[in-house]
Amino acid sequence: MPLQSCYHSPYGGFDFLGLRRSPSGAMEIVYDDGVRRRLVWRVAGPAGEGVVGEALARAASQRRILPALYAELKRRSIAIEAISH
């Protein structure tokens, strides 16, 4: 079953974080601000889906989602690599 989770900002913005599987099976994180920016990263390390999903959920609950996302991933030692800007 394909992995797919999404999280929206509770502060009324259009910010979106998503977790998905690429066609090759790699786990990917997607950020979209709803206006002009869409970023995609590949999870580069052996992090579990639950750990990554928890990091995304905590980041999405913050007012500044991108800095919170980077902090949550760093806190859990989850390596990512940008694949789309």
C-alpha atoms as a PDB file:
ATOM      1  CA  MET A   1       0.000   0.000   0.000  1.00  0.00           C
ATOM      2  CA  PRO A   2       1.500   3.377  -0.933  1.00  0.00           C
ATOM      3  CA  LEU A   3       2.472   5.753   1.823  1.00  0.00           C
ATOM      4  CA  GLN A   4       0.653   9.066   1.801  1.00  0.00           C
ATOM      5  CA  SER A   5       0.090  11.462   4.692  1.00  0.00           C
ATOM      6  CA  CYS A   6      -0.690  15.164   4.713  1.00  0.00           C
ATOM      7  CA  TYR A   7      -0.652  17.915   7.309  1.00  0.00           C
ATOM      8  CA  HIS A   8      -2.076  21.436   7.091  1.00  0.00           C
ATOM      9  CA  SER A   9      -1.315  24.489   9.174  1.00  0.00           C
ATOM     10  CA  PRO A  10      -3.913  25.091  11.907  1.00  0.00           C
ATOM     11  CA  TYR A  11      -3.302  28.846  11.672  1.00  0.00           C
ATOM     12  CA  GLY A  12      -5.500  29.474   8.631  1.00  0.00           C
ATOM     13  CA  GLY A  13      -2.741  29.580   6.020  1.00  0.00           C
ATOM     14  CA  PHE A  14      -2.428  27.394   2.962  1.00  0.00           C
ATOM     15  CA  ASP A  15       0.771  25.704   4.154  1.00  0.00           C
ATOM     16  CA  PHE A  16       0.845  21.984   3.430  1.00  0.00           C
ATOM     17  CA  LEU A  17       3.301  19.224   4.345  1.00  0.00           C
ATOM     18  CA  GLY A  18       2.980  15.802   2.803  1.00  0.00           C
ATOM     19  CA  LEU A  19       4.726  12.466   3.001  1.00  0.00           C
ATOM     20  CA  ARG A  20       4.593  10.161  -0.016  1.00  0.00           C
ATOM     21  CA  ARG A  21       6.361   7.342  -1.834  1.00  0.00           C
ATOM     22  CA  SER A  22       7.954   8.020  -5.200  1.00  0.00           C
ATOM     23  CA  PRO A  23       7.448   5.563  -8.067  1.00  0.00           C
ATOM     24  CA  SER A  24      10.877   4.113  -7.217  1.00  0.00           C
ATOM     25  CA  GLY A  25       9.792   3.505  -3.610  1.00  0.00           C
ATOM     26  CA  ALA A  26      11.722   6.335  -1.941  1.00  0.00           C
ATOM     27  CA  MET A  27      10.043   8.333   0.832  1.00  0.00           C
ATOM     28  CA  GLU A  28       9.523  12.004  -0.099  1.00  0.00           C
ATOM     29  CA  ILE A  29       8.506  15.105   1.843  1.00  0.00           C
ATOM     30  CA  VAL A  30       6.482  17.772   0.013  1.00  0.00           C
ATOM     31  CA  TYR A  31       5.971  21.377   1.160  1.00  0.00           C
ATOM     32  CA  ASP A  32       3.602  23.776  -0.587  1.00  0.00           C
ATOM     33  CA  ASP A  33       2.749  27.260   0.631  1.00  0.00           C
ATOM     34  CA  GLY A  34      -0.362  27.454  -1.555  1.00  0.00           C
ATOM     35  CA  VAL A  35       0.827  30.502  -3.437  1.00  0.00           C
ATOM     36  CA  ARG A  36       4.220  30.290  -5.092  1.00  0.00           C
ATOM     37  CA  ARG A  37       6.529  27.745  -3.504  1.00  0.00           C
ATOM     38  CA  ARG A  38       6.587  23.955  -3.750  1.00  0.00           C
ATOM     39  CA  LEU A  39       9.578  22.040  -2.411  1.00  0.00           C
ATOM     40  CA  VAL A  40      10.249  18.307  -2.499  1.00  0.00           C
ATOM     41  CA  TRP A  41      12.915  16.384  -0.573  1.00  0.00           C
ATOM     42  CA  ARG A  42      13.884  12.719  -0.620  1.00  0.00           C
ATOM     43  CA  VAL A  43      14.485  11.119   2.771  1.00  0.00           C
ATOM     44  CA  ALA A  44      18.098   9.980   2.391  1.00  0.00           C
ATOM     45  CA  GLY A  45      18.522   7.880   5.513  1.00  0.00           C
ATOM     46  CA  PRO A  46      16.895   4.789   6.982  1.00  0.00           C
ATOM     47  CA  ALA A  47      14.231   6.718   8.917  1.00  0.00           C
ATOM     48  CA  GLY A  48      10.920   4.983   9.562  1.00  0.00           C
ATOM     49  CA  GLU A  49       7.622   6.321   8.275  1.00  0.00           C
ATOM     50  CA  GLY A  50       6.310   6.870  11.793  1.00  0.00           C
ATOM     51  CA  VAL A  51       9.302   8.971  12.834  1.00  0.00           C
ATOM     52  CA  VAL A  52       9.156  11.122   9.688  1.00  0.00           C
ATOM     53  CA  GLY A  53       5.376  11.494   9.971  1.00  0.00           C
ATOM     54  CA  GLU A  54       5.710  12.614  13.596  1.00  0.00           C
ATOM     55  CA  ALA A  55       8.307  15.231  12.582  1.00  0.00           C
ATOM     56  CA  LEU A  56       5.985  16.550   9.855  1.00  0.00           C
ATOM     57  CA  ALA A  57       2.986  16.689  12.180  1.00  0.00           C
ATOM     58  CA  ARG A  58       4.934  18.665  14.790  1.00  0.00           C
ATOM     59  CA  ALA A  59       6.350  21.049  12.165  1.00  0.00           C
ATOM     60  CA  ALA A  60       2.906  21.654  10.622  1.00  0.00           C
ATOM     61  CA  SER A  61       1.573  22.712  14.015  1.00  0.00           C
ATOM     62  CA  GLN A  62       4.059  25.616  14.209  1.00  0.00           C
ATOM     63  CA  ARG A  63       3.545  29.103  12.780  1.00  0.00           C
ATOM     64  CA  ARG A  64       6.770  29.010  10.742  1.00  0.00           C
ATOM     65  CA  ILE A  65       6.577  25.583   9.140  1.00  0.00           C
ATOM     66  CA  LEU A  66       9.825  25.415   7.147  1.00  0.00           C
ATOM     67  CA  PRO A  67      12.168  26.361  10.011  1.00  0.00           C
ATOM     68  CA  ALA A  68      10.212  24.021  12.267  1.00  0.00           C
ATOM     69  CA  LEU A  69      10.490  21.209   9.701  1.00  0.00           C
ATOM     70  CA  TYR A  70      14.265  21.570   9.462  1.00  0.00           C
ATOM     71  CA  ALA A  71      14.534  21.643  13.271  1.00  0.00           C
ATOM     72  CA  GLU A  72      12.342  18.550  13.717  1.00  0.00           C
ATOM     73  CA  LEU A  73      14.261  16.592  11.078  1.00  0.00           C
ATOM     74  CA  LYS A  74      17.587  17.601  12.609  1.00  0.00           C
ATOM     75  CA  ARG A  75      16.370  16.671  16.101  1.00  0.00           C
ATOM     76  CA  ARG A  76      15.597  13.155  14.829  1.00  0.00           C
ATOM     77  CA  SER A  77      18.760  12.902  12.673  1.00  0.00           C
ATOM     78  CA  ILE A  78      16.721  12.472   9.487  1.00  0.00           C
ATOM     79  CA  ALA A  79      18.786  13.250   6.396  1.00  0.00           C
ATOM     80  CA  ILE A  80      17.056  14.756   3.360  1.00  0.00           C
ATOM     81  CA  GLU A  81      18.131  15.823  -0.107  1.00  0.00           C
ATOM     82  CA  ALA A  82      16.345  18.387  -2.253  1.00  0.00           C
ATOM     83  CA  ILE A  83      14.927  17.020  -5.498  1.00  0.00           C
ATOM     84  CA  SER A  84      12.689  19.922  -6.553  1.00  0.00           C
ATOM     85  CA  HIS A  85      12.567  23.667  -5.888  1.00  0.00           C
END
